[in-house]
């Protein structure tokens, strides 16, 4: 199932956008947490929210969605 095409970056919170940028750089949740000075659990929470908001089923789909939204 593809991600939502009706959803846009502008509908994400600032924290979600920061996490998404790190995902686009290829970072793992652990690396994102270190880069943004967050707990890994906080990053996991943002990832879950991103997946739910976009309708993506995986990090890979989320990454492809993010790259396509530019």
C-alpha atoms as a PDB file:
ATOM      1  CA  UNK A   1       0.000   0.000   0.000  1.00  0.00           C
ATOM      2  CA  UNK A   2       1.512   3.333  -1.021  1.00  0.00           C
ATOM      3  CA  UNK A   3       1.880   6.329   1.240  1.00  0.00           C
ATOM      4  CA  UNK A   4      -0.652   9.131   1.105  1.00  0.00           C
ATOM      5  CA  UNK A   5      -0.118  11.515  -1.774  1.00  0.00           C
ATOM      6  CA  UNK A   6      -2.453  14.061  -0.182  1.00  0.00           C
ATOM      7  CA  UNK A   7      -0.219  14.561   2.843  1.00  0.00           C
ATOM      8  CA  UNK A   8       2.553  17.187   2.717  1.00  0.00           C
ATOM      9  CA  UNK A   9       5.682  18.032   4.708  1.00  0.00           C
ATOM     10  CA  UNK A  10       4.004  21.228   5.934  1.00  0.00           C
ATOM     11  CA  UNK A  11       1.564  19.125   7.963  1.00  0.00           C
ATOM     12  CA  UNK A  12       4.376  17.632  10.059  1.00  0.00           C
ATOM     13  CA  UNK A  13       5.543  19.048  13.370  1.00  0.00           C
ATOM     14  CA  UNK A  14       8.957  20.708  13.517  1.00  0.00           C
ATOM     15  CA  UNK A  15      10.313  17.744  15.502  1.00  0.00           C
ATOM     16  CA  UNK A  16       8.964  15.264  12.938  1.00  0.00           C
ATOM     17  CA  UNK A  17      10.568  17.250  10.113  1.00  0.00           C
ATOM     18  CA  UNK A  18      13.941  17.198  11.917  1.00  0.00           C
ATOM     19  CA  UNK A  19      13.699  13.421  12.333  1.00  0.00           C
ATOM     20  CA  UNK A  20      12.701  13.036   8.684  1.00  0.00           C
ATOM     21  CA  UNK A  21      15.761  15.009   7.553  1.00  0.00           C
ATOM     22  CA  UNK A  22      17.975  12.618   9.502  1.00  0.00           C
ATOM     23  CA  UNK A  23      16.162   9.639   7.971  1.00  0.00           C
ATOM     24  CA  UNK A  24      16.855  11.107   4.526  1.00  0.00           C
ATOM     25  CA  UNK A  25      20.558  11.126   5.470  1.00  0.00           C
ATOM     26  CA  UNK A  26      20.337   7.394   6.091  1.00  0.00           C
ATOM     27  CA  UNK A  27      20.612   7.533   9.880  1.00  0.00           C
ATOM     28  CA  UNK A  28      19.321   4.782  12.163  1.00  0.00           C
ATOM     29  CA  UNK A  29      17.048   5.664  15.081  1.00  0.00           C
ATOM     30  CA  UNK A  30      20.072   5.492  17.388  1.00  0.00           C
ATOM     31  CA  UNK A  31      22.071   7.853  15.156  1.00  0.00           C
ATOM     32  CA  UNK A  32      19.103  10.222  14.823  1.00  0.00           C
ATOM     33  CA  UNK A  33      18.760  10.309  18.604  1.00  0.00           C
ATOM     34  CA  UNK A  34      22.445  11.152  18.992  1.00  0.00           C
ATOM     35  CA  UNK A  35      22.372  13.812  16.263  1.00  0.00           C
ATOM     36  CA  UNK A  36      19.275  15.534  17.658  1.00  0.00           C
ATOM     37  CA  UNK A  37      20.119  14.947  21.328  1.00  0.00           C
ATOM     38  CA  UNK A  38      16.942  12.953  21.935  1.00  0.00           C
ATOM     39  CA  UNK A  39      16.247   9.583  23.499  1.00  0.00           C
ATOM     40  CA  UNK A  40      15.886   6.660  21.126  1.00  0.00           C
ATOM     41  CA  UNK A  41      12.327   6.218  22.422  1.00  0.00           C
ATOM     42  CA  UNK A  42      11.466   9.807  21.412  1.00  0.00           C
ATOM     43  CA  UNK A  43      12.804   9.153  17.916  1.00  0.00           C
ATOM     44  CA  UNK A  44      10.755   5.931  17.745  1.00  0.00           C
ATOM     45  CA  UNK A  45       7.680   7.910  18.776  1.00  0.00           C
ATOM     46  CA  UNK A  46       8.282  10.481  16.029  1.00  0.00           C
ATOM     47  CA  UNK A  47       8.824   7.687  13.486  1.00  0.00           C
ATOM     48  CA  UNK A  48       5.545   6.033  14.511  1.00  0.00           C
ATOM     49  CA  UNK A  49       3.770   9.350  14.148  1.00  0.00           C
ATOM     50  CA  UNK A  50       5.341   9.933  10.733  1.00  0.00           C
ATOM     51  CA  UNK A  51       4.276   6.500   9.542  1.00  0.00           C
ATOM     52  CA  UNK A  52       0.730   7.009  10.816  1.00  0.00           C
ATOM     53  CA  UNK A  53       0.357  10.499   9.345  1.00  0.00           C
ATOM     54  CA  UNK A  54       1.718   9.563   5.928  1.00  0.00           C
ATOM     55  CA  UNK A  55       0.160   6.117   5.701  1.00  0.00           C
ATOM     56  CA  UNK A  56       3.547   4.579   4.941  1.00  0.00           C
ATOM     57  CA  UNK A  57       4.132   0.992   6.058  1.00  0.00           C
ATOM     58  CA  UNK A  58       7.917   1.106   6.542  1.00  0.00           C
ATOM     59  CA  UNK A  59      10.913   3.389   6.950  1.00  0.00           C
ATOM     60  CA  UNK A  60      11.813   2.689   3.328  1.00  0.00           C
ATOM     61  CA  UNK A  61       8.395   3.806   2.100  1.00  0.00           C
ATOM     62  CA  UNK A  62       8.624   6.859   4.360  1.00  0.00           C
ATOM     63  CA  UNK A  63      12.015   7.737   2.896  1.00  0.00           C
ATOM     64  CA  UNK A  64      10.750   7.381  -0.669  1.00  0.00           C
ATOM     65  CA  UNK A  65       7.707   9.505   0.207  1.00  0.00           C
ATOM     66  CA  UNK A  66       9.928  12.197   1.734  1.00  0.00           C
ATOM     67  CA  UNK A  67      12.224  12.288  -1.280  1.00  0.00           C
ATOM     68  CA  UNK A  68       9.239  12.500  -3.617  1.00  0.00           C
ATOM     69  CA  UNK A  69       7.727  15.426  -1.716  1.00  0.00           C
ATOM     70  CA  UNK A  70      10.596  17.765  -2.561  1.00  0.00           C
END
